[in-house]
């Protein structure tokens, strides 16, 4: 069963560019190379951040969520 996750969040004012940089790294350098990743796209609209993710199944999504690069994201 394909899992679709839509993540939506509010960006702190002034952090849009920093988040865009991090989102690009996650999208192009990490998620795209993970087994079971079907789609991983991020969007910024004003202060709204949205990521649309599609994963082959819950097992690979759980593995993705446990990755160190996700745990270490910080927008100070």
C-alpha atoms as a PDB file:
ATOM      1  CA  UNK A   1       0.000   0.000   0.000  1.00  0.00           C
ATOM      2  CA  UNK A   2       1.436   3.385  -1.028  1.00  0.00           C
ATOM      3  CA  UNK A   3       1.533   5.900   1.833  1.00  0.00           C
ATOM      4  CA  UNK A   4       0.971   9.579   1.051  1.00  0.00           C
ATOM      5  CA  UNK A   5       2.043  12.120   3.668  1.00  0.00           C
ATOM      6  CA  UNK A   6       1.288  15.816   3.406  1.00  0.00           C
ATOM      7  CA  UNK A   7       3.255  17.875   5.897  1.00  0.00           C
ATOM      8  CA  UNK A   8       2.231  21.488   6.433  1.00  0.00           C
ATOM      9  CA  UNK A   9       3.801  23.960   8.801  1.00  0.00           C
ATOM     10  CA  UNK A  10       4.207  27.623   9.593  1.00  0.00           C
ATOM     11  CA  UNK A  11       7.650  29.108   8.948  1.00  0.00           C
ATOM     12  CA  UNK A  12       9.096  31.643  11.350  1.00  0.00           C
ATOM     13  CA  UNK A  13       9.321  34.995   9.617  1.00  0.00           C
ATOM     14  CA  UNK A  14      12.780  35.455   8.125  1.00  0.00           C
ATOM     15  CA  UNK A  15      13.526  31.712   8.007  1.00  0.00           C
ATOM     16  CA  UNK A  16      12.128  31.020   4.524  1.00  0.00           C
ATOM     17  CA  UNK A  17      15.502  30.928   2.746  1.00  0.00           C
ATOM     18  CA  UNK A  18      17.106  28.775   5.426  1.00  0.00           C
ATOM     19  CA  UNK A  19      14.205  26.334   5.256  1.00  0.00           C
ATOM     20  CA  UNK A  20      14.356  26.308   1.446  1.00  0.00           C
ATOM     21  CA  UNK A  21      18.052  25.367   1.640  1.00  0.00           C
ATOM     22  CA  UNK A  22      17.326  22.534   4.084  1.00  0.00           C
ATOM     23  CA  UNK A  23      14.279  21.355   2.109  1.00  0.00           C
ATOM     24  CA  UNK A  24      16.333  21.201  -1.087  1.00  0.00           C
ATOM     25  CA  UNK A  25      18.969  19.074   0.630  1.00  0.00           C
ATOM     26  CA  UNK A  26      16.326  16.709   2.008  1.00  0.00           C
ATOM     27  CA  UNK A  27      14.501  16.533  -1.317  1.00  0.00           C
ATOM     28  CA  UNK A  28      17.446  16.114  -3.667  1.00  0.00           C
ATOM     29  CA  UNK A  29      20.223  14.569  -1.592  1.00  0.00           C
ATOM     30  CA  UNK A  30      18.411  12.325   0.872  1.00  0.00           C
ATOM     31  CA  UNK A  31      14.777  11.365   0.225  1.00  0.00           C
ATOM     32  CA  UNK A  32      15.186  10.842  -3.499  1.00  0.00           C
ATOM     33  CA  UNK A  33      17.910   8.270  -2.798  1.00  0.00           C
ATOM     34  CA  UNK A  34      16.001   6.396  -0.082  1.00  0.00           C
ATOM     35  CA  UNK A  35      14.542   3.007  -0.955  1.00  0.00           C
ATOM     36  CA  UNK A  36      10.787   3.205  -1.341  1.00  0.00           C
ATOM     37  CA  UNK A  37      10.592   6.953  -1.983  1.00  0.00           C
ATOM     38  CA  UNK A  38       8.154   7.529  -4.841  1.00  0.00           C
ATOM     39  CA  UNK A  39       7.718  11.308  -4.490  1.00  0.00           C
ATOM     40  CA  UNK A  40       9.156  13.976  -2.198  1.00  0.00           C
ATOM     41  CA  UNK A  41       8.410  17.595  -3.067  1.00  0.00           C
ATOM     42  CA  UNK A  42       8.570  20.699  -0.898  1.00  0.00           C
ATOM     43  CA  UNK A  43       6.917  24.058  -1.413  1.00  0.00           C
ATOM     44  CA  UNK A  44       7.108  27.417   0.334  1.00  0.00           C
ATOM     45  CA  UNK A  45       4.275  29.906  -0.058  1.00  0.00           C
ATOM     46  CA  UNK A  46       4.824  32.947   2.109  1.00  0.00           C
ATOM     47  CA  UNK A  47       5.128  31.586   5.628  1.00  0.00           C
ATOM     48  CA  UNK A  48       3.593  28.198   4.775  1.00  0.00           C
ATOM     49  CA  UNK A  49       5.768  25.135   4.179  1.00  0.00           C
ATOM     50  CA  UNK A  50       4.289  22.046   2.534  1.00  0.00           C
ATOM     51  CA  UNK A  51       5.908  18.723   1.718  1.00  0.00           C
ATOM     52  CA  UNK A  52       4.134  16.061  -0.303  1.00  0.00           C
ATOM     53  CA  UNK A  53       5.629  12.617   0.153  1.00  0.00           C
ATOM     54  CA  UNK A  54       4.705   9.234  -1.293  1.00  0.00           C
ATOM     55  CA  UNK A  55       6.327   6.088   0.072  1.00  0.00           C
ATOM     56  CA  UNK A  56       6.029   2.484  -1.061  1.00  0.00           C
ATOM     57  CA  UNK A  57       4.699   1.366   2.335  1.00  0.00           C
ATOM     58  CA  UNK A  58       4.658   2.168   6.044  1.00  0.00           C
ATOM     59  CA  UNK A  59       7.898   0.265   6.670  1.00  0.00           C
ATOM     60  CA  UNK A  60       9.945   2.507   4.355  1.00  0.00           C
ATOM     61  CA  UNK A  61       8.214   5.653   5.681  1.00  0.00           C
ATOM     62  CA  UNK A  62       9.088   4.642   9.251  1.00  0.00           C
ATOM     63  CA  UNK A  63      12.684   4.027   8.150  1.00  0.00           C
ATOM     64  CA  UNK A  64      12.750   7.499   6.526  1.00  0.00           C
ATOM     65  CA  UNK A  65      11.393   9.159   9.693  1.00  0.00           C
ATOM     66  CA  UNK A  66      14.100   7.463  11.783  1.00  0.00           C
ATOM     67  CA  UNK A  67      16.964   8.859   9.667  1.00  0.00           C
ATOM     68  CA  UNK A  68      19.501  11.006  11.539  1.00  0.00           C
ATOM     69  CA  UNK A  69      19.302  13.795   8.935  1.00  0.00           C
ATOM     70  CA  UNK A  70      15.651  14.371   9.886  1.00  0.00           C
ATOM     71  CA  UNK A  71      16.376  14.332  13.613  1.00  0.00           C
ATOM     72  CA  UNK A  72      19.169  16.889  13.234  1.00  0.00           C
ATOM     73  CA  UNK A  73      17.215  19.617  11.435  1.00  0.00           C
ATOM     74  CA  UNK A  74      17.237  22.854  13.363  1.00  0.00           C
ATOM     75  CA  UNK A  75      16.076  26.327  12.426  1.00  0.00           C
ATOM     76  CA  UNK A  76      17.490  28.496  15.167  1.00  0.00           C
END
